[in-house]
C-alpha atoms as a PDB file:
ATOM      1  CA  UNK A   1     -92.203 -97.077-122.898  1.00  0.00           C
ATOM      2  CA  UNK A   2     -95.502 -96.989-121.064  1.00  0.00           C
ATOM      3  CA  UNK A   3     -98.364 -94.787-122.211  1.00  0.00           C
ATOM      4  CA  UNK A   4     -97.743 -92.406-119.294  1.00  0.00           C
ATOM      5  CA  UNK A   5     -94.028 -92.204-120.111  1.00  0.00           C
ATOM      6  CA  UNK A   6     -94.876 -91.355-123.728  1.00  0.00           C
ATOM      7  CA  UNK A   7     -97.215 -88.582-122.565  1.00  0.00           C
ATOM      8  CA  UNK A   8     -94.508 -87.250-120.239  1.00  0.00           C
ATOM      9  CA  UNK A   9     -91.917 -87.268-123.023  1.00  0.00           C
ATOM     10  CA  UNK A  10     -94.145 -85.578-125.613  1.00  0.00           C
ATOM     11  CA  UNK A  11     -95.289 -82.853-123.221  1.00  0.00           C
ATOM     12  CA  UNK A  12     -91.711 -82.251-122.056  1.00  0.00           C
ATOM     13  CA  UNK A  13     -90.542 -81.909-125.661  1.00  0.00           C
ATOM     14  CA  UNK A  14     -93.367 -79.526-126.521  1.00  0.00           C
ATOM     15  CA  UNK A  15     -92.470 -77.206-123.678  1.00  0.00           C
ATOM     16  CA  UNK A  16     -88.759 -77.375-124.460  1.00  0.00           C
ATOM     17  CA  UNK A  17     -89.580 -76.181-127.983  1.00  0.00           C
ATOM     18  CA  UNK A  18     -91.755 -73.317-126.764  1.00  0.00           C
ATOM     19  CA  UNK A  19     -89.108 -72.241-124.273  1.00  0.00           C
ATOM     20  CA  UNK A  20     -91.452 -71.798-121.332  1.00  0.00           C
ATOM     21  CA  UNK A  21     -94.586 -73.043-119.737  1.00  0.00           C
ATOM     22  CA  UNK A  22     -97.307 -70.598-120.760  1.00  0.00           C
ATOM     23  CA  UNK A  23     -99.588 -71.464-117.883  1.00  0.00           C
ATOM     24  CA  UNK A  24    -100.653 -74.377-115.773  1.00  0.00           C
ATOM     25  CA  UNK A  25    -104.016 -74.288-117.552  1.00  0.00           C
ATOM     26  CA  UNK A  26    -102.440 -74.711-120.999  1.00  0.00           C
ATOM     27  CA  UNK A  27    -100.134 -77.433-119.674  1.00  0.00           C
ATOM     28  CA  UNK A  28    -103.133 -79.336-118.309  1.00  0.00           C
ATOM     29  CA  UNK A  29    -105.030 -78.905-121.581  1.00  0.00           C
ATOM     30  CA  UNK A  30    -102.129 -80.384-123.539  1.00  0.00           C
ATOM     31  CA  UNK A  31    -101.743 -83.248-121.066  1.00  0.00           C
ATOM     32  CA  UNK A  32    -105.473 -84.038-121.306  1.00  0.00           C
ATOM     33  CA  UNK A  33    -105.239 -84.062-125.099  1.00  0.00           C
ATOM     34  CA  UNK A  34    -102.182 -86.315-125.083  1.00  0.00           C
ATOM     35  CA  UNK A  35    -103.879 -88.761-122.720  1.00  0.00           C
ATOM     36  CA  UNK A  36    -106.594 -89.271-125.342  1.00  0.00           C
ATOM     37  CA  UNK A  37    -104.075 -90.400-127.966  1.00  0.00           C
ATOM     38  CA  UNK A  38    -102.956 -94.002-128.271  1.00  0.00           C
ATOM     39  CA  UNK A  39     -99.343 -95.077-127.890  1.00  0.00           C
ATOM     40  CA  UNK A  40     -98.687 -95.229-131.631  1.00  0.00           C
ATOM     41  CA  UNK A  41     -99.881 -91.644-132.087  1.00  0.00           C
ATOM     42  CA  UNK A  42     -97.632 -90.509-129.227  1.00  0.00           C
ATOM     43  CA  UNK A  43     -94.656 -92.364-130.710  1.00  0.00           C
ATOM     44  CA  UNK A  44     -95.337 -90.700-134.051  1.00  0.00           C
ATOM     45  CA  UNK A  45     -95.308 -87.263-132.401  1.00  0.00           C
ATOM     46  CA  UNK A  46     -91.987 -88.062-130.706  1.00  0.00           C
ATOM     47  CA  UNK A  47     -90.549 -89.245-134.015  1.00  0.00           C
ATOM     48  CA  UNK A  48     -91.676 -86.034-135.758  1.00  0.00           C
ATOM     49  CA  UNK A  49     -90.110 -83.910-132.995  1.00  0.00           C
ATOM     50  CA  UNK A  50     -86.946 -85.965-133.228  1.00  0.00           C
END
């Protein structure tokens, strides 16, 4: 999986868990945070959500 695909997957999973998208601003904040993580950190988050 590419870094962008990992970010997409993690953010999608986070919003599935919360049940709704709170706001575009919060979505962008989460995406910006996830983009700062490396691939191993993103994979770890996906594993923990698993």
